[in-house]
Amino acid sequence: DFNGICWTTSIDVPTNTKGVTAVKVPFSKQVPTLFAKTVPNQTFQSSNVVGLQFAYSKFEYDGDLNPNFTVGDMHLQILEMSAY
């Protein structure tokens, strides 16, 4: 369902001018949301992952603000992605 439960993880990626920053986002840390509001009593099904999105947002869950958000340009280069 396009407008159904989305599984979300908020991460902070440090600025690294000397190379690559590796980030791991375990399926077990996913938070069920519906339009950015957390939804209780949901079970993540890793066999049913059909999409992936990256968002740079000043908002987190349930209307809370991202404490590390800053206005300005953002650059993200993905060198490798895999499931583990």
N, C-alpha and C. Protein backbone atom coordinates (compact mmCIF):
# COMPACT_ATOMS: atom_id res chain seq x y z
N ASP A 1 0.85 -1.18 0.00
CA ASP A 1 0.00 0.00 0.00
C ASP A 1 0.90 1.24 0.00
N PHE A 2 0.77 2.08 -0.99
CA PHE A 2 1.61 3.27 -1.12
C PHE A 2 1.45 4.20 0.08
N ASN A 3 0.26 4.32 0.60
CA ASN A 3 0.02 5.19 1.75
C ASN A 3 -0.08 4.40 3.05
N GLY A 4 0.57 3.26 3.11
CA GLY A 4 0.54 2.42 4.30
C GLY A 4 1.70 2.71 5.23
N ILE A 5 1.98 1.75 6.08
CA ILE A 5 3.06 1.87 7.05
C ILE A 5 4.40 1.98 6.33
N CYS A 6 5.21 2.94 6.74
CA CYS A 6 6.58 3.08 6.26
C CYS A 6 7.51 2.82 7.44
N TRP A 7 8.57 2.13 7.17
CA TRP A 7 9.53 1.79 8.22
C TRP A 7 10.70 2.77 8.12
N THR A 8 10.97 3.47 9.20
CA THR A 8 11.86 4.62 9.17
C THR A 8 12.97 4.49 10.19
N THR A 9 14.12 5.04 9.85
CA THR A 9 15.23 5.14 10.79
C THR A 9 15.86 6.51 10.64
N SER A 10 16.02 7.22 11.73
CA SER A 10 16.72 8.50 11.71
C SER A 10 18.17 8.27 12.10
N ILE A 11 19.07 8.79 11.29
CA ILE A 11 20.49 8.64 11.58
C ILE A 11 21.19 9.98 11.39
N ASP A 12 22.27 10.16 12.10
CA ASP A 12 23.15 11.30 11.91
C ASP A 12 24.44 10.77 11.31
N VAL A 13 24.82 11.33 10.18
CA VAL A 13 26.04 10.91 9.51
C VAL A 13 27.06 12.03 9.68
N PRO A 14 28.15 11.75 10.38
CA PRO A 14 29.14 12.80 10.61
C PRO A 14 29.82 13.22 9.31
N THR A 15 30.22 14.48 9.26
CA THR A 15 30.98 14.97 8.12
C THR A 15 32.35 14.33 8.14
N ASN A 16 32.72 13.75 7.03
CA ASN A 16 34.01 13.06 6.95
C ASN A 16 34.72 13.56 5.71
N THR A 17 35.70 14.42 5.87
CA THR A 17 36.42 14.98 4.73
C THR A 17 37.60 14.12 4.31
N LYS A 18 37.89 13.06 5.05
CA LYS A 18 39.06 12.23 4.76
C LYS A 18 38.71 10.92 4.06
N GLY A 19 37.47 10.69 3.74
CA GLY A 19 37.14 9.43 3.10
C GLY A 19 35.68 9.08 3.22
N VAL A 20 35.42 7.80 3.39
CA VAL A 20 34.07 7.26 3.37
C VAL A 20 33.58 7.03 4.79
N THR A 21 32.32 7.34 5.03
CA THR A 21 31.68 7.04 6.31
C THR A 21 30.75 5.86 6.10
N ALA A 22 30.94 4.80 6.85
CA ALA A 22 30.08 3.62 6.76
C ALA A 22 28.94 3.76 7.76
N VAL A 23 27.75 3.49 7.31
CA VAL A 23 26.56 3.57 8.16
C VAL A 23 25.81 2.25 8.03
N LYS A 24 25.48 1.66 9.16
CA LYS A 24 24.66 0.44 9.17
C LYS A 24 23.31 0.77 9.80
N VAL A 25 22.26 0.36 9.13
CA VAL A 25 20.90 0.58 9.62
C VAL A 25 20.23 -0.79 9.71
N PRO A 26 20.26 -1.41 10.87
CA PRO A 26 19.67 -2.75 11.00
C PRO A 26 18.14 -2.72 10.87
N PHE A 27 17.60 -3.74 10.24
CA PHE A 27 16.15 -3.85 10.13
C PHE A 27 15.50 -3.78 11.51
N SER A 28 16.17 -4.30 12.52
CA SER A 28 15.59 -4.34 13.87
C SER A 28 15.40 -2.95 14.47
N LYS A 29 16.03 -1.94 13.92
CA LYS A 29 15.92 -0.57 14.44
C LYS A 29 14.86 0.25 13.71
N GLN A 30 14.19 -0.35 12.73
CA GLN A 30 13.17 0.37 11.97
C GLN A 30 11.99 0.75 12.85
N VAL A 31 11.46 1.94 12.65
CA VAL A 31 10.32 2.45 13.41
C VAL A 31 9.12 2.53 12.46
N PRO A 32 8.00 1.89 12.81
CA PRO A 32 6.83 1.97 11.94
C PRO A 32 6.18 3.35 12.03
N THR A 33 5.94 3.96 10.86
CA THR A 33 5.32 5.28 10.83
C THR A 33 4.25 5.34 9.75
N LEU A 34 3.33 6.25 9.93
CA LEU A 34 2.32 6.56 8.93
C LEU A 34 2.26 8.08 8.86
N PHE A 35 2.72 8.65 7.77
CA PHE A 35 2.82 10.09 7.61
C PHE A 35 3.58 10.73 8.77
N ALA A 36 4.73 10.14 9.11
CA ALA A 36 5.68 10.61 10.13
C ALA A 36 5.17 10.48 11.56
N LYS A 37 4.09 9.79 11.77
CA LYS A 37 3.61 9.52 13.13
C LYS A 37 3.85 8.06 13.43
N THR A 38 4.43 7.78 14.59
CA THR A 38 4.73 6.39 14.94
C THR A 38 3.44 5.58 15.10
N VAL A 39 3.54 4.31 14.72
CA VAL A 39 2.39 3.40 14.77
C VAL A 39 2.78 2.20 15.63
N PRO A 40 2.09 1.98 16.74
CA PRO A 40 2.46 0.88 17.64
C PRO A 40 2.02 -0.48 17.09
N ASN A 41 2.60 -1.51 17.68
CA ASN A 41 2.19 -2.90 17.45
C ASN A 41 2.29 -3.35 15.99
N GLN A 42 3.38 -3.00 15.33
CA GLN A 42 3.62 -3.42 13.95
C GLN A 42 4.84 -4.34 13.93
N THR A 43 4.89 -5.25 12.97
CA THR A 43 6.01 -6.18 12.83
C THR A 43 6.66 -5.98 11.47
N PHE A 44 7.96 -5.70 11.47
CA PHE A 44 8.71 -5.51 10.24
C PHE A 44 8.89 -6.84 9.52
N GLN A 45 8.61 -6.87 8.24
CA GLN A 45 8.77 -8.09 7.43
C GLN A 45 9.87 -7.84 6.41
N SER A 46 11.07 -8.30 6.70
CA SER A 46 12.21 -8.05 5.82
C SER A 46 12.03 -8.68 4.44
N SER A 47 11.15 -9.65 4.31
CA SER A 47 10.91 -10.28 3.01
C SER A 47 10.00 -9.44 2.12
N ASN A 48 9.51 -8.31 2.65
CA ASN A 48 8.56 -7.48 1.89
C ASN A 48 9.05 -6.04 1.74
N VAL A 49 10.34 -5.86 1.58
CA VAL A 49 10.89 -4.52 1.36
C VAL A 49 10.76 -4.22 -0.13
N VAL A 50 10.04 -3.16 -0.47
CA VAL A 50 9.79 -2.86 -1.88
C VAL A 50 10.32 -1.48 -2.31
N GLY A 51 10.89 -0.74 -1.38
CA GLY A 51 11.39 0.58 -1.75
C GLY A 51 12.33 1.11 -0.70
N LEU A 52 13.02 2.18 -1.06
CA LEU A 52 13.98 2.81 -0.16
C LEU A 52 14.00 4.30 -0.46
N GLN A 53 14.06 5.11 0.57
CA GLN A 53 14.08 6.56 0.39
C GLN A 53 15.06 7.18 1.36
N PHE A 54 15.76 8.21 0.90
CA PHE A 54 16.62 9.01 1.76
C PHE A 54 16.01 10.40 1.83
N ALA A 55 15.89 10.94 3.03
CA ALA A 55 15.32 12.28 3.19
C ALA A 55 16.17 13.07 4.17
N TYR A 56 16.41 14.31 3.83
CA TYR A 56 17.12 15.24 4.71
C TYR A 56 16.06 16.16 5.27
N SER A 57 15.70 15.96 6.53
CA SER A 57 14.53 16.64 7.07
C SER A 57 14.79 17.27 8.42
N LYS A 58 14.11 18.38 8.65
CA LYS A 58 14.20 19.00 9.96
C LYS A 58 13.24 18.36 10.96
N PHE A 59 12.43 17.42 10.47
CA PHE A 59 11.47 16.74 11.34
C PHE A 59 11.90 15.31 11.61
N GLU A 60 11.51 14.81 12.77
CA GLU A 60 11.72 13.40 13.11
C GLU A 60 10.34 12.77 13.25
N TYR A 61 10.09 12.09 14.34
CA TYR A 61 8.83 11.38 14.52
C TYR A 61 7.84 12.22 15.33
N ASP A 62 6.58 12.06 15.01
CA ASP A 62 5.48 12.67 15.78
C ASP A 62 5.62 14.18 15.93
N GLY A 63 6.15 14.84 14.91
CA GLY A 63 6.26 16.29 14.91
C GLY A 63 7.48 16.85 15.61
N ASP A 64 8.30 15.99 16.22
CA ASP A 64 9.52 16.47 16.86
C ASP A 64 10.50 16.98 15.82
N LEU A 65 11.31 17.96 16.22
CA LEU A 65 12.33 18.49 15.33
C LEU A 65 13.61 17.67 15.44
N ASN A 66 14.32 17.57 14.33
CA ASN A 66 15.63 16.92 14.29
C ASN A 66 16.63 17.88 14.93
N PRO A 67 17.21 17.54 16.08
CA PRO A 67 18.09 18.49 16.78
C PRO A 67 19.39 18.78 16.04
N ASN A 68 19.76 17.97 15.07
CA ASN A 68 21.01 18.17 14.35
C ASN A 68 20.82 18.73 12.94
N PHE A 69 19.61 19.12 12.59
CA PHE A 69 19.34 19.66 11.27
C PHE A 69 19.90 21.07 11.15
N THR A 70 20.52 21.35 10.02
CA THR A 70 20.95 22.71 9.69
C THR A 70 20.52 23.03 8.27
N VAL A 71 20.13 24.26 8.04
CA VAL A 71 19.73 24.70 6.72
C VAL A 71 20.97 24.82 5.85
N GLY A 72 20.88 24.39 4.62
CA GLY A 72 22.00 24.53 3.70
C GLY A 72 22.10 23.34 2.77
N ASP A 73 23.11 23.40 1.93
CA ASP A 73 23.33 22.33 0.97
C ASP A 73 23.70 21.03 1.67
N MET A 74 23.27 19.95 1.05
CA MET A 74 23.60 18.63 1.56
C MET A 74 24.02 17.78 0.38
N HIS A 75 25.06 17.00 0.56
CA HIS A 75 25.56 16.14 -0.51
C HIS A 75 25.64 14.72 0.03
N LEU A 76 25.08 13.80 -0.72
CA LEU A 76 25.11 12.39 -0.33
C LEU A 76 25.53 11.58 -1.54
N GLN A 77 26.61 10.86 -1.40
CA GLN A 77 27.06 9.97 -2.47
C GLN A 77 27.08 8.56 -1.90
N ILE A 78 26.29 7.69 -2.48
CA ILE A 78 26.22 6.31 -2.01
C ILE A 78 27.16 5.47 -2.87
N LEU A 79 28.16 4.89 -2.23
CA LEU A 79 29.14 4.08 -2.96
C LEU A 79 28.73 2.62 -3.01
N GLU A 80 28.09 2.16 -1.96
CA GLU A 80 27.69 0.76 -1.90
C GLU A 80 26.53 0.62 -0.94
N MET A 81 25.62 -0.28 -1.27
CA MET A 81 24.50 -0.55 -0.39
C MET A 81 24.21 -2.04 -0.45
N SER A 82 23.98 -2.64 0.71
CA SER A 82 23.67 -4.06 0.74
C SER A 82 22.82 -4.37 1.97
N ALA A 83 22.13 -5.47 1.90
CA ALA A 83 21.36 -5.95 3.05
C ALA A 83 22.24 -6.90 3.84
N TYR A 84 22.07 -6.92 5.13
CA TYR A 84 22.86 -7.82 5.98
C TYR A 84 22.01 -8.39 7.08
